[in-house]
Protein backbone atom coordinates (compact mmCIF):
# COMPACT_ATOMS: atom_id res chain seq x y z
CA MET A 1 -72.37 44.74 17.36
CA ALA A 2 -72.46 48.50 18.05
CA PRO A 3 -75.89 50.20 18.04
CA GLY A 4 -76.98 52.17 15.00
CA ILE A 5 -77.68 55.94 14.69
CA ASN A 6 -78.20 57.79 17.88
CA GLY A 7 -78.04 54.61 19.86
CA LEU A 8 -80.99 52.96 17.91
CA ASP A 9 -80.51 49.42 16.82
CA ILE A 10 -82.21 49.57 13.37
CA ARG A 11 -81.03 46.13 12.09
CA LEU A 12 -83.58 43.61 10.88
CA PRO A 13 -83.67 40.24 12.37
CA ASN A 14 -81.53 37.63 10.60
CA GLU A 15 -83.82 35.35 8.53
CA GLN A 16 -81.69 32.28 9.32
CA ALA A 17 -81.82 33.09 13.11
CA VAL A 18 -85.62 33.45 13.01
CA LEU A 19 -86.06 30.17 11.13
CA ALA A 20 -83.62 28.35 13.39
CA ARG A 21 -85.60 29.35 16.44
CA MET A 22 -88.73 27.99 14.86
CA ARG A 23 -87.21 24.64 13.87
CA GLY A 24 -87.63 21.63 16.21
CA THR A 25 -86.12 18.19 16.26
CA GLN A 26 -89.02 16.69 14.27
CA ASP A 27 -88.52 19.37 11.65
CA ARG A 28 -84.81 18.61 11.42
CA ILE A 29 -85.51 14.88 11.02
CA ALA A 30 -88.14 15.50 8.30
CA ASP A 31 -85.84 17.78 6.45
CA ALA A 32 -82.93 15.33 6.62
CA ILE A 33 -85.07 12.48 5.24
CA THR A 34 -86.46 14.62 2.47
CA ALA A 35 -83.00 15.95 1.65
CA PHE A 36 -81.67 12.39 1.33
CA ALA A 37 -84.66 11.09 -0.55
CA GLY A 38 -84.07 13.78 -3.18
CA THR A 39 -80.61 12.42 -4.08
CA MET A 40 -79.25 10.02 -6.71
CA GLN A 41 -77.65 8.06 -3.93
CA PHE A 42 -81.15 7.31 -2.68
CA VAL A 43 -82.08 6.15 -6.22
CA TYR A 44 -78.99 3.99 -6.54
CA ILE A 45 -79.61 2.29 -3.17
CA HIS A 46 -83.16 1.54 -4.07
CA ALA A 47 -82.23 0.21 -7.53
CA ALA A 48 -79.62 -2.13 -5.83
CA TRP A 49 -82.05 -3.15 -3.21
CA PHE A 50 -84.77 -4.06 -5.73
CA THR A 51 -82.29 -5.89 -7.86
CA VAL A 52 -81.07 -8.03 -5.04
CA TRP A 53 -84.55 -8.66 -3.71
CA ILE A 54 -85.84 -9.82 -7.12
CA ALA A 55 -82.74 -11.84 -7.78
CA PHE A 56 -83.15 -13.83 -4.52
CA ASN A 57 -86.91 -14.23 -4.98
CA GLU A 58 -86.59 -15.39 -8.58
CA GLY A 59 -84.46 -18.32 -7.32
CA LEU A 60 -81.17 -17.14 -8.73
CA PHE A 61 -79.41 -18.16 -5.47
CA GLY A 62 -81.41 -21.31 -4.98
CA HIS A 63 -85.00 -22.02 -4.16
CA SER A 64 -84.34 -22.11 -0.44
CA ALA A 65 -83.31 -18.37 -0.58
CA VAL A 66 -86.81 -17.42 -1.80
CA TRP A 67 -88.80 -15.68 0.84
CA ASP A 68 -91.15 -13.46 -1.27
CA PRO A 69 -92.05 -15.29 -4.53
CA TYR A 70 -93.39 -13.53 -7.59
CA PRO A 71 -95.47 -11.27 -7.71
CA PHE A 72 -93.40 -9.94 -4.64
CA GLY A 73 -96.36 -9.02 -2.37
CA LEU A 74 -93.98 -8.23 0.54
CA LEU A 75 -91.79 -5.96 -1.55
CA THR A 76 -94.92 -4.26 -2.94
CA MET A 77 -96.24 -3.56 0.55
CA ILE A 78 -92.83 -2.20 1.78
CA VAL A 79 -92.49 0.03 -1.22
CA SER A 80 -96.03 1.26 -0.72
CA LEU A 81 -95.46 2.08 2.94
CA GLU A 82 -92.21 3.84 2.09
CA ALA A 83 -94.09 5.91 -0.61
CA ILE A 84 -96.70 6.91 2.02
CA PHE A 85 -94.04 8.00 4.51
CA LEU A 86 -91.86 9.72 1.94
CA SER A 87 -94.79 11.74 0.58
CA THR A 88 -95.67 12.74 4.15
CA PHE A 89 -92.14 13.97 4.74
CA VAL A 90 -92.23 15.92 1.50
CA MET A 91 -95.45 17.60 2.55
CA VAL A 92 -93.98 18.44 5.93
CA SER A 93 -90.85 19.92 4.26
CA GLN A 94 -93.10 21.84 1.74
CA ASN A 95 -95.11 23.26 4.68
CA ARG A 96 -91.80 24.38 6.32
CA GLN A 97 -90.68 25.95 2.98
CA ALA A 98 -94.01 27.84 2.86
CA MET A 99 -93.37 29.06 6.45
CA ARG A 100 -89.82 30.10 5.42
CA GLU A 101 -91.23 32.13 2.47
CA ASN A 102 -93.71 33.87 4.86
CA VAL A 103 -90.86 34.78 7.20
CA ARG A 104 -88.89 36.11 4.26
CA ALA A 105 -91.94 38.04 3.02
CA ASP A 106 -92.48 39.65 6.40
CA LEU A 107 -88.85 40.59 6.68
CA ASP A 108 -88.94 42.09 3.15
CA PHE A 109 -92.14 44.00 3.94
CA GLU A 110 -90.38 45.38 7.09
CA THR A 111 -87.32 46.40 5.05
CA ASN A 112 -89.48 48.11 2.42
CA ILE A 113 -91.39 50.01 5.07
CA ARG A 114 -88.08 51.13 6.68
CA SER A 115 -86.74 52.17 3.30
CA GLU A 116 -89.93 54.17 2.56
CA VAL A 117 -89.82 55.97 5.80
CA TRP A 118 -86.17 56.81 5.55
CA SER A 119 -86.60 57.98 1.92
CA ALA A 120 -89.56 60.26 3.03
CA HIS A 121 -87.36 61.75 5.80
CA ILE A 122 -84.39 62.25 3.55
CA GLY A 123 -86.63 63.76 0.79
CA HIS A 124 -88.15 66.09 3.40
CA ALA A 125 -84.68 67.16 4.55
CA LEU A 126 -83.61 67.83 0.94
CA GLY A 127 -86.78 69.79 0.23
CA VAL A 128 -88.11 67.33 -2.29
CA ASP A 129 -91.85 67.65 -3.14
CA PRO A 130 -93.34 64.30 -2.18
CA LYS A 131 -96.48 64.72 -4.30
CA GLN A 132 -94.33 65.33 -7.44
CA VAL A 133 -92.25 62.18 -6.56
CA GLU A 134 -95.27 60.07 -6.09
CA GLN A 135 -96.79 61.28 -9.29
CA GLU A 136 -93.66 60.21 -11.17
CA VAL A 137 -93.70 56.90 -9.38
CA GLN A 138 -97.34 56.30 -10.31
CA THR A 139 -96.60 57.19 -13.94
CA LEU A 140 -93.71 54.81 -14.08
CA LEU A 141 -95.70 51.95 -12.39
CA ALA A 142 -98.52 52.49 -14.96
CA GLN A 143 -96.09 52.32 -17.78
CA ASN A 144 -94.42 49.18 -16.52
CA GLN A 145 -97.93 47.51 -15.87
CA ALA A 146 -98.82 48.40 -19.58
CA LYS A 147 -95.58 46.86 -20.76
CA MET A 148 -96.24 43.67 -18.75
CA ASN A 149 -99.85 43.51 -20.11
CA GLY A 150 -98.74 44.21 -23.60
CA THR A 151 -101.00 47.30 -23.88
CA GLU A 152 -98.23 49.88 -24.04
CA GLN A 153 -99.00 52.76 -26.39
CA SER A 154 -96.36 54.43 -28.36
CA SER A 155 -95.21 57.71 -26.95
CA GLN A 156 -95.68 61.03 -28.88
């Protein structure tokens, strides 16, 4: 891409590119597992698996097919271990989401700073009084805050 104004490259880093550089193999695996665990296909597979397990172990296919009789101790242990691992993967993914939000916040902050600096320069070039503009901004912010707090007073 061509450089910006006067040879300056003023583009912000692409959020997705920043996040891709921060993402390792373990992160991709955790995200894939969490993404699959959050689908209805995951639910259907487990419902079928539990049904088959219980059917076999209730003796519906003969007593020789029973390997985990009621109260299904092996099934309980497997499901508990799966829950432990899935909750860990969810926490890893939540930590990654928090990291993504921090990157977004940093990029938003940089964008806001750039906009403020450019606005100040443009205002100066146009002869705008920055003190008057800031006073109007403060007034509008105070009015908006009052509206959000429900303490807005009627105007005269």
